[in-house]
Amino acid sequence: MRFHAQVDVTHRPGIADPQGATVERALPALGWTNVSKVAVAKSIRLVIDAADEVEARSQIDDMCRRFLTNPVLESFTVTISELTPSGADA
């Protein structure tokens, strides 16, 4: 089976987010004074072949812990959906 996965990576609570802080400071100068708590995160999208969704999630979780994220500084969430045979490899 083929699955599409999206991994959203964010800073753990208490970890500084200098990019988010920079964006938050810049927005009022551009006229958006009603924005706060800006956070910059990353999104990783991939297609994985696995026997089932449980195996796909297990492999992706392992990838995140070992390579895709820094577990000391970052948290991640994984969203998985099965690709249909006629579905595009997004």
PDB file of N, CA and C in Angstrom:
ATOM      1  N   MET A   1       0.847  -1.173   0.000  1.00  0.00           N
ATOM      2  CA  MET A   1       0.000   0.000   0.000  1.00  0.00           C
ATOM      3  C   MET A   1       0.888   1.230   0.000  1.00  0.00           C
ATOM      4  N   ARG A   2       0.352   2.283  -0.522  1.00  0.00           N
ATOM      5  CA  ARG A   2       1.094   3.547  -0.612  1.00  0.00           C
ATOM      6  C   ARG A   2       0.349   4.606   0.196  1.00  0.00           C
ATOM      7  N   PHE A   3       1.121   5.344   1.005  1.00  0.00           N
ATOM      8  CA  PHE A   3       0.540   6.345   1.885  1.00  0.00           C
ATOM      9  C   PHE A   3       1.219   7.695   1.679  1.00  0.00           C
ATOM     10  N   HIS A   4       0.422   8.743   1.813  1.00  0.00           N
ATOM     11  CA  HIS A   4       0.940  10.109   1.835  1.00  0.00           C
ATOM     12  C   HIS A   4       1.030  10.508   3.301  1.00  0.00           C
ATOM     13  N   ALA A   5       2.139  11.064   3.705  1.00  0.00           N
ATOM     14  CA  ALA A   5       2.305  11.493   5.087  1.00  0.00           C
ATOM     15  C   ALA A   5       2.739  12.949   5.137  1.00  0.00           C
ATOM     16  N   GLN A   6       2.224  13.633   6.125  1.00  0.00           N
ATOM     17  CA  GLN A   6       2.652  15.002   6.393  1.00  0.00           C
ATOM     18  C   GLN A   6       3.133  15.046   7.833  1.00  0.00           C
ATOM     19  N   VAL A   7       4.349  15.509   8.014  1.00  0.00           N
ATOM     20  CA  VAL A   7       4.948  15.646   9.344  1.00  0.00           C
ATOM     21  C   VAL A   7       5.048  17.139   9.630  1.00  0.00           C
ATOM     22  N   ASP A   8       4.377  17.588  10.683  1.00  0.00           N
ATOM     23  CA  ASP A   8       4.463  18.985  11.102  1.00  0.00           C
ATOM     24  C   ASP A   8       5.386  19.053  12.309  1.00  0.00           C
ATOM     25  N   VAL A   9       6.422  19.871  12.196  1.00  0.00           N
ATOM     26  CA  VAL A   9       7.451  19.975  13.228  1.00  0.00           C
ATOM     27  C   VAL A   9       7.378  21.373  13.849  1.00  0.00           C
ATOM     28  N   THR A  10       7.271  21.414  15.166  1.00  0.00           N
ATOM     29  CA  THR A  10       7.201  22.686  15.892  1.00  0.00           C
ATOM     30  C   THR A  10       8.227  22.676  17.023  1.00  0.00           C
ATOM     31  N   HIS A  11       8.497  23.873  17.540  1.00  0.00           N
ATOM     32  CA  HIS A  11       9.396  23.979  18.695  1.00  0.00           C
ATOM     33  C   HIS A  11       8.691  23.437  19.937  1.00  0.00           C
ATOM     34  N   ARG A  12       9.433  22.798  20.812  1.00  0.00           N
ATOM     35  CA  ARG A  12       8.883  22.362  22.095  1.00  0.00           C
ATOM     36  C   ARG A  12       8.600  23.612  22.942  1.00  0.00           C
ATOM     37  N   PRO A  13       7.660  23.516  23.873  1.00  0.00           N
ATOM     38  CA  PRO A  13       7.387  24.663  24.755  1.00  0.00           C
ATOM     39  C   PRO A  13       8.663  25.117  25.458  1.00  0.00           C
ATOM     40  N   GLY A  14       8.849  26.421  25.520  1.00  0.00           N
ATOM     41  CA  GLY A  14      10.008  26.993  26.193  1.00  0.00           C
ATOM     42  C   GLY A  14      11.235  27.160  25.312  1.00  0.00           C
ATOM     43  N   ILE A  15      11.191  26.643  24.087  1.00  0.00           N
ATOM     44  CA  ILE A  15      12.311  26.781  23.158  1.00  0.00           C
ATOM     45  C   ILE A  15      12.121  28.057  22.341  1.00  0.00           C
ATOM     46  N   ALA A  16      13.150  28.874  22.258  1.00  0.00           N
ATOM     47  CA  ALA A  16      13.079  30.136  21.521  1.00  0.00           C
ATOM     48  C   ALA A  16      12.797  29.884  20.037  1.00  0.00           C
ATOM     49  N   ASP A  17      12.015  30.771  19.451  1.00  0.00           N
ATOM     50  CA  ASP A  17      11.682  30.710  18.028  1.00  0.00           C
ATOM     51  C   ASP A  17      12.066  32.051  17.411  1.00  0.00           C
ATOM     52  N   PRO A  18      13.350  32.250  17.087  1.00  0.00           N
ATOM     53  CA  PRO A  18      13.770  33.556  16.581  1.00  0.00           C
ATOM     54  C   PRO A  18      13.092  33.958  15.276  1.00  0.00           C
ATOM     55  N   GLN A  19      12.797  33.004  14.402  1.00  0.00           N
ATOM     56  CA  GLN A  19      12.100  33.355  13.162  1.00  0.00           C
ATOM     57  C   GLN A  19      10.689  33.848  13.461  1.00  0.00           C
ATOM     58  N   GLY A  20       9.996  33.158  14.344  1.00  0.00           N
ATOM     59  CA  GLY A  20       8.650  33.581  14.722  1.00  0.00           C
ATOM     60  C   GLY A  20       8.667  34.961  15.353  1.00  0.00           C
ATOM     61  N   ALA A  21       9.643  35.218  16.221  1.00  0.00           N
ATOM     62  CA  ALA A  21       9.756  36.525  16.882  1.00  0.00           C
ATOM     63  C   ALA A  21      10.025  37.626  15.859  1.00  0.00           C
ATOM     64  N   THR A  22      10.862  37.346  14.867  1.00  0.00           N
ATOM     65  CA  THR A  22      11.162  38.334  13.829  1.00  0.00           C
ATOM     66  C   THR A  22       9.921  38.663  13.022  1.00  0.00           C
ATOM     67  N   VAL A  23       9.176  37.643  12.653  1.00  0.00           N
ATOM     68  CA  VAL A  23       7.939  37.863  11.891  1.00  0.00           C
ATOM     69  C   VAL A  23       6.948  38.663  12.732  1.00  0.00           C
ATOM     70  N   GLU A  24       6.813  38.289  13.996  1.00  0.00           N
ATOM     71  CA  GLU A  24       5.864  38.983  14.869  1.00  0.00           C
ATOM     72  C   GLU A  24       6.219  40.460  15.031  1.00  0.00           C
ATOM     73  N   ARG A  25       7.507  40.784  15.126  1.00  0.00           N
ATOM     74  CA  ARG A  25       7.924  42.187  15.241  1.00  0.00           C
ATOM     75  C   ARG A  25       7.706  42.952  13.936  1.00  0.00           C
ATOM     76  N   ALA A  26       7.817  42.272  12.796  1.00  0.00           N
ATOM     77  CA  ALA A  26       7.701  42.950  11.496  1.00  0.00           C
ATOM     78  C   ALA A  26       6.254  43.213  11.084  1.00  0.00           C
ATOM     79  N   LEU A  27       5.327  42.376  11.483  1.00  0.00           N
ATOM     80  CA  LEU A  27       3.940  42.509  11.021  1.00  0.00           C
ATOM     81  C   LEU A  27       3.300  43.859  11.340  1.00  0.00           C
ATOM     82  N   PRO A  28       3.468  44.424  12.543  1.00  0.00           N
ATOM     83  CA  PRO A  28       2.857  45.731  12.808  1.00  0.00           C
ATOM     84  C   PRO A  28       3.355  46.832  11.864  1.00  0.00           C
ATOM     85  N   ALA A  29       4.614  46.780  11.476  1.00  0.00           N
ATOM     86  CA  ALA A  29       5.150  47.779  10.555  1.00  0.00           C
ATOM     87  C   ALA A  29       4.490  47.691   9.182  1.00  0.00           C
ATOM     88  N   LEU A  30       3.919  46.524   8.888  1.00  0.00           N
ATOM     89  CA  LEU A  30       3.238  46.327   7.606  1.00  0.00           C
ATOM     90  C   LEU A  30       1.728  46.499   7.736  1.00  0.00           C
ATOM     91  N   GLY A  31       1.269  46.927   8.912  1.00  0.00           N
ATOM     92  CA  GLY A  31      -0.143  47.234   9.101  1.00  0.00           C
ATOM     93  C   GLY A  31      -0.949  46.171   9.840  1.00  0.00           C
ATOM     94  N   TRP A  32      -0.334  45.046  10.163  1.00  0.00           N
ATOM     95  CA  TRP A  32      -1.064  43.999  10.884  1.00  0.00           C
ATOM     96  C   TRP A  32      -0.722  44.084  12.365  1.00  0.00           C
ATOM     97  N   THR A  33      -1.510  44.859  13.090  1.00  0.00           N
ATOM     98  CA  THR A  33      -1.255  45.067  14.510  1.00  0.00           C
ATOM     99  C   THR A  33      -2.059  44.105  15.384  1.00  0.00           C
ATOM    100  N   ASN A  34      -2.853  43.267  14.766  1.00  0.00           N
ATOM    101  CA  ASN A  34      -3.744  42.365  15.496  1.00  0.00           C
ATOM    102  C   ASN A  34      -3.231  40.931  15.550  1.00  0.00           C
ATOM    103  N   VAL A  35      -1.938  40.717  15.330  1.00  0.00           N
ATOM    104  CA  VAL A  35      -1.370  39.366  15.281  1.00  0.00           C
ATOM    105  C   VAL A  35      -0.412  39.178  16.456  1.00  0.00           C
ATOM    106  N   SER A  36      -0.488  38.006  17.088  1.00  0.00           N
ATOM    107  CA  SER A  36       0.435  37.696  18.186  1.00  0.00           C
ATOM    108  C   SER A  36       0.733  36.201  18.185  1.00  0.00           C
ATOM    109  N   LYS A  37       1.688  35.820  19.010  1.00  0.00           N
ATOM    110  CA  LYS A  37       2.074  34.419  19.188  1.00  0.00           C
ATOM    111  C   LYS A  37       2.425  33.741  17.857  1.00  0.00           C
ATOM    112  N   VAL A  38       3.228  34.411  17.050  1.00  0.00           N
ATOM    113  CA  VAL A  38       3.650  33.873  15.757  1.00  0.00           C
ATOM    114  C   VAL A  38       4.686  32.780  15.995  1.00  0.00           C
ATOM    115  N   ALA A  39       4.519  31.662  15.319  1.00  0.00           N
ATOM    116  CA  ALA A  39       5.474  30.557  15.391  1.00  0.00           C
ATOM    117  C   ALA A  39       5.792  30.107  13.966  1.00  0.00           C
ATOM    118  N   VAL A  40       7.046  29.904  13.700  1.00  0.00           N
ATOM    119  CA  VAL A  40       7.473  29.384  12.408  1.00  0.00           C
ATOM    120  C   VAL A  40       7.810  27.908  12.611  1.00  0.00           C
ATOM    121  N   ALA A  41       7.210  27.065  11.791  1.00  0.00           N
ATOM    122  CA  ALA A  41       7.413  25.620  11.893  1.00  0.00           C
ATOM    123  C   ALA A  41       7.788  25.090  10.518  1.00  0.00           C
ATOM    124  N   LYS A  42       8.015  23.776  10.441  1.00  0.00           N
ATOM    125  CA  LYS A  42       8.297  23.188   9.138  1.00  0.00           C
ATOM    126  C   LYS A  42       7.341  22.025   8.899  1.00  0.00           C
ATOM    127  N   SER A  43       7.110  21.778   7.618  1.00  0.00           N
ATOM    128  CA  SER A  43       6.243  20.689   7.206  1.00  0.00           C
ATOM    129  C   SER A  43       7.017  19.810   6.236  1.00  0.00           C
ATOM    130  N   ILE A  44       7.009  18.511   6.500  1.00  0.00           N
ATOM    131  CA  ILE A  44       7.698  17.551   5.645  1.00  0.00           C
ATOM    132  C   ILE A  44       6.636  16.627   5.072  1.00  0.00           C
ATOM    133  N   ARG A  45       6.602  16.509   3.769  1.00  0.00           N
ATOM    134  CA  ARG A  45       5.627  15.635   3.113  1.00  0.00           C
ATOM    135  C   ARG A  45       6.362  14.543   2.377  1.00  0.00           C
ATOM    136  N   LEU A  46       5.829  13.333   2.470  1.00  0.00           N
ATOM    137  CA  LEU A  46       6.474  12.211   1.801  1.00  0.00           C
ATOM    138  C   LEU A  46       5.446  11.149   1.442  1.00  0.00           C
ATOM    139  N   VAL A  47       5.843  10.271   0.530  1.00  0.00           N
ATOM    140  CA  VAL A  47       5.045   9.117   0.160  1.00  0.00           C
ATOM    141  C   VAL A  47       5.843   7.890   0.575  1.00  0.00           C
ATOM    142  N   ILE A  48       5.163   6.959   1.235  1.00  0.00           N
ATOM    143  CA  ILE A  48       5.833   5.761   1.746  1.00  0.00           C
ATOM    144  C   ILE A  48       5.033   4.526   1.371  1.00  0.00           C
ATOM    145  N   ASP A  49       5.734   3.492   0.983  1.00  0.00           N
ATOM    146  CA  ASP A  49       5.121   2.193   0.724  1.00  0.00           C
ATOM    147  C   ASP A  49       5.259   1.345   1.981  1.00  0.00           C
ATOM    148  N   ALA A  50       4.143   0.784   2.444  1.00  0.00           N
ATOM    149  CA  ALA A  50       4.151  -0.051   3.642  1.00  0.00           C
ATOM    150  C   ALA A  50       2.984  -1.034   3.563  1.00  0.00           C
ATOM    151  N   ALA A  51       3.052  -2.078   4.363  1.00  0.00           N
ATOM    152  CA  ALA A  51       2.006  -3.103   4.356  1.00  0.00           C
ATOM    153  C   ALA A  51       0.660  -2.544   4.806  1.00  0.00           C
ATOM    154  N   ASP A  52       0.702  -1.624   5.789  1.00  0.00           N
ATOM    155  CA  ASP A  52      -0.531  -1.020   6.288  1.00  0.00           C
ATOM    156  C   ASP A  52      -0.190   0.311   6.960  1.00  0.00           C
ATOM    157  N   GLU A  53      -1.232   1.004   7.422  1.00  0.00           N
ATOM    158  CA  GLU A  53      -1.022   2.328   8.018  1.00  0.00           C
ATOM    159  C   GLU A  53      -0.205   2.250   9.313  1.00  0.00           C
ATOM    160  N   VAL A  54      -0.388   1.190  10.080  1.00  0.00           N
ATOM    161  CA  VAL A  54       0.366   1.035  11.334  1.00  0.00           C
ATOM    162  C   VAL A  54       1.862   0.953  11.042  1.00  0.00           C
ATOM    163  N   GLU A  55       2.244   0.165  10.044  1.00  0.00           N
ATOM    164  CA  GLU A  55       3.656   0.047   9.686  1.00  0.00           C
ATOM    165  C   GLU A  55       4.189   1.372   9.148  1.00  0.00           C
ATOM    166  N   ALA A  56       3.391   2.042   8.315  1.00  0.00           N
ATOM    167  CA  ALA A  56       3.813   3.336   7.758  1.00  0.00           C
ATOM    168  C   ALA A  56       4.059   4.336   8.893  1.00  0.00           C
ATOM    169  N   ARG A  57       3.121   4.410   9.834  1.00  0.00           N
ATOM    170  CA  ARG A  57       3.269   5.355  10.952  1.00  0.00           C
ATOM    171  C   ARG A  57       4.483   5.008  11.799  1.00  0.00           C
ATOM    172  N   SER A  58       4.704   3.734  12.038  1.00  0.00           N
ATOM    173  CA  SER A  58       5.851   3.307  12.832  1.00  0.00           C
ATOM    174  C   SER A  58       7.161   3.734  12.168  1.00  0.00           C
ATOM    175  N   GLN A  59       7.265   3.532  10.863  1.00  0.00           N
ATOM    176  CA  GLN A  59       8.481   3.916  10.153  1.00  0.00           C
ATOM    177  C   GLN A  59       8.671   5.434  10.167  1.00  0.00           C
ATOM    178  N   ILE A  60       7.598   6.173   9.960  1.00  0.00           N
ATOM    179  CA  ILE A  60       7.701   7.633   9.934  1.00  0.00           C
ATOM    180  C   ILE A  60       8.059   8.174  11.314  1.00  0.00           C
ATOM    181  N   ASP A  61       7.457   7.612  12.360  1.00  0.00           N
ATOM    182  CA  ASP A  61       7.817   8.026  13.719  1.00  0.00           C
ATOM    183  C   ASP A  61       9.303   7.785  13.971  1.00  0.00           C
ATOM    184  N   ASP A  62       9.813   6.648  13.515  1.00  0.00           N
ATOM    185  CA  ASP A  62      11.230   6.343  13.677  1.00  0.00           C
ATOM    186  C   ASP A  62      12.091   7.340  12.898  1.00  0.00           C
ATOM    187  N   MET A  63      11.686   7.660  11.671  1.00  0.00           N
ATOM    188  CA  MET A  63      12.413   8.663  10.866  1.00  0.00           C
ATOM    189  C   MET A  63      12.475   9.994  11.609  1.00  0.00           C
ATOM    190  N   CYS A  64      11.341  10.383  12.193  1.00  0.00           N
ATOM    191  CA  CYS A  64      11.285  11.667  12.899  1.00  0.00           C
ATOM    192  C   CYS A  64      12.208  11.666  14.113  1.00  0.00           C
ATOM    193  N   ARG A  65      12.168  10.609  14.889  1.00  0.00           N
ATOM    194  CA  ARG A  65      13.002  10.540  16.102  1.00  0.00           C
ATOM    195  C   ARG A  65      14.486  10.464  15.771  1.00  0.00           C
ATOM    196  N   ARG A  66      14.833   9.787  14.663  1.00  0.00           N
ATOM    197  CA  ARG A  66      16.246   9.555  14.358  1.00  0.00           C
ATOM    198  C   ARG A  66      16.872  10.563  13.411  1.00  0.00           C
ATOM    199  N   PHE A  67      16.045  11.236  12.567  1.00  0.00           N
ATOM    200  CA  PHE A  67      16.652  12.064  11.524  1.00  0.00           C
ATOM    201  C   PHE A  67      15.907  13.360  11.213  1.00  0.00           C
ATOM    202  N   LEU A  68      14.596  13.314  11.083  1.00  0.00           N
ATOM    203  CA  LEU A  68      13.850  14.474  10.577  1.00  0.00           C
ATOM    204  C   LEU A  68      13.664  15.597  11.586  1.00  0.00           C
ATOM    205  N   THR A  69      13.775  15.291  12.876  1.00  0.00           N
ATOM    206  CA  THR A  69      13.596  16.323  13.896  1.00  0.00           C
ATOM    207  C   THR A  69      14.723  16.241  14.924  1.00  0.00           C
ATOM    208  N   ASN A  70      14.856  17.291  15.678  1.00  0.00           N
ATOM    209  CA  ASN A  70      15.754  17.301  16.831  1.00  0.00           C
ATOM    210  C   ASN A  70      14.865  17.107  18.058  1.00  0.00           C
ATOM    211  N   PRO A  71      14.822  15.903  18.636  1.00  0.00           N
ATOM    212  CA  PRO A  71      13.881  15.630  19.721  1.00  0.00           C
ATOM    213  C   PRO A  71      14.107  16.465  20.979  1.00  0.00           C
ATOM    214  N   VAL A  72      15.270  17.063  21.119  1.00  0.00           N
ATOM    215  CA  VAL A  72      15.521  17.922  22.271  1.00  0.00           C
ATOM    216  C   VAL A  72      14.782  19.252  22.112  1.00  0.00           C
ATOM    217  N   LEU A  73      14.695  19.751  20.879  1.00  0.00           N
ATOM    218  CA  LEU A  73      14.129  21.074  20.622  1.00  0.00           C
ATOM    219  C   LEU A  73      12.756  21.054  19.965  1.00  0.00           C
ATOM    220  N   GLU A  74      12.408  19.955  19.287  1.00  0.00           N
ATOM    221  CA  GLU A  74      11.213  19.947  18.438  1.00  0.00           C
ATOM    222  C   GLU A  74      10.253  18.817  18.791  1.00  0.00           C
ATOM    223  N   SER A  75       8.977  19.093  18.534  1.00  0.00           N
ATOM    224  CA  SER A  75       7.909  18.099  18.620  1.00  0.00           C
ATOM    225  C   SER A  75       7.379  17.888  17.212  1.00  0.00           C
ATOM    226  N   PHE A  76       6.713  16.750  16.987  1.00  0.00           N
ATOM    227  CA  PHE A  76       6.152  16.508  15.661  1.00  0.00           C
ATOM    228  C   PHE A  76       4.805  15.810  15.757  1.00  0.00           C
ATOM    229  N   THR A  77       3.992  16.040  14.736  1.00  0.00           N
ATOM    230  CA  THR A  77       2.744  15.316  14.558  1.00  0.00           C
ATOM    231  C   THR A  77       2.742  14.757  13.144  1.00  0.00           C
ATOM    232  N   VAL A  78       2.146  13.582  12.990  1.00  0.00           N
ATOM    233  CA  VAL A  78       2.124  12.906  11.695  1.00  0.00           C
ATOM    234  C   VAL A  78       0.674  12.697  11.274  1.00  0.00           C
ATOM    235  N   THR A  79       0.370  13.051  10.036  1.00  0.00           N
ATOM    236  CA  THR A  79      -0.935  12.793   9.432  1.00  0.00           C
ATOM    237  C   THR A  79      -0.707  11.886   8.235  1.00  0.00           C
ATOM    238  N   ILE A  80      -1.427  10.784   8.179  1.00  0.00           N
ATOM    239  CA  ILE A  80      -1.250   9.808   7.108  1.00  0.00           C
ATOM    240  C   ILE A  80      -2.579   9.558   6.414  1.00  0.00           C
ATOM    241  N   SER A  81      -2.514   9.469   5.093  1.00  0.00           N
ATOM    242  CA  SER A  81      -3.690   9.070   4.321  1.00  0.00           C
ATOM    243  C   SER A  81      -3.256   8.109   3.229  1.00  0.00           C
ATOM    244  N   GLU A  82      -4.104   7.131   2.958  1.00  0.00           N
ATOM    245  CA  GLU A  82      -3.796   6.141   1.923  1.00  0.00           C
ATOM    246  C   GLU A  82      -4.009   6.770   0.558  1.00  0.00           C
ATOM    247  N   LEU A  83      -3.057   6.543  -0.322  1.00  0.00           N
ATOM    248  CA  LEU A  83      -3.199   6.997  -1.701  1.00  0.00           C
ATOM    249  C   LEU A  83      -3.979   5.941  -2.470  1.00  0.00           C
ATOM    250  N   THR A  84      -4.951   6.386  -3.209  1.00  0.00           N
ATOM    251  CA  THR A  84      -5.698   5.454  -4.040  1.00  0.00           C
ATOM    252  C   THR A  84      -4.868   5.139  -5.275  1.00  0.00           C
ATOM    253  N   PRO A  85      -5.122   4.001  -5.914  1.00  0.00           N
ATOM    254  CA  PRO A  85      -4.348   3.650  -7.105  1.00  0.00           C
ATOM    255  C   PRO A  85      -4.358   4.738  -8.164  1.00  0.00           C
ATOM    256  N   SER A  86      -5.468   5.479  -8.255  1.00  0.00           N
ATOM    257  CA  SER A  86      -5.530   6.552  -9.258  1.00  0.00           C
ATOM    258  C   SER A  86      -5.079   7.894  -8.679  1.00  0.00           C
ATOM    259  N   GLY A  87      -4.739   7.934  -7.375  1.00  0.00           N
ATOM    260  CA  GLY A  87      -4.355   9.191  -6.724  1.00  0.00           C
ATOM    261  C   GLY A  87      -2.975   9.641  -7.148  1.00  0.00           C
ATOM    262  N   ALA A  88      -2.806  10.935  -7.194  1.00  0.00           N
ATOM    263  CA  ALA A  88      -1.497  11.514  -7.552  1.00  0.00           C
ATOM    264  C   ALA A  88      -0.556  11.383  -6.375  1.00  0.00           C
ATOM    265  N   ASP A  89       0.697  11.177  -6.652  1.00  0.00           N
ATOM    266  CA  ASP A  89       1.709  11.140  -5.592  1.00  0.00           C
ATOM    267  C   ASP A  89       2.022  12.554  -5.179  1.00  0.00           C
ATOM    268  N   ALA A  90       1.274  13.065  -4.218  1.00  0.00           N
ATOM    269  CA  ALA A  90       1.437  14.455  -3.785  1.00  0.00           C
ATOM    270  C   ALA A  90       2.685  14.650  -2.976  1.00  0.00           C
TER     271      ALA A  90
END
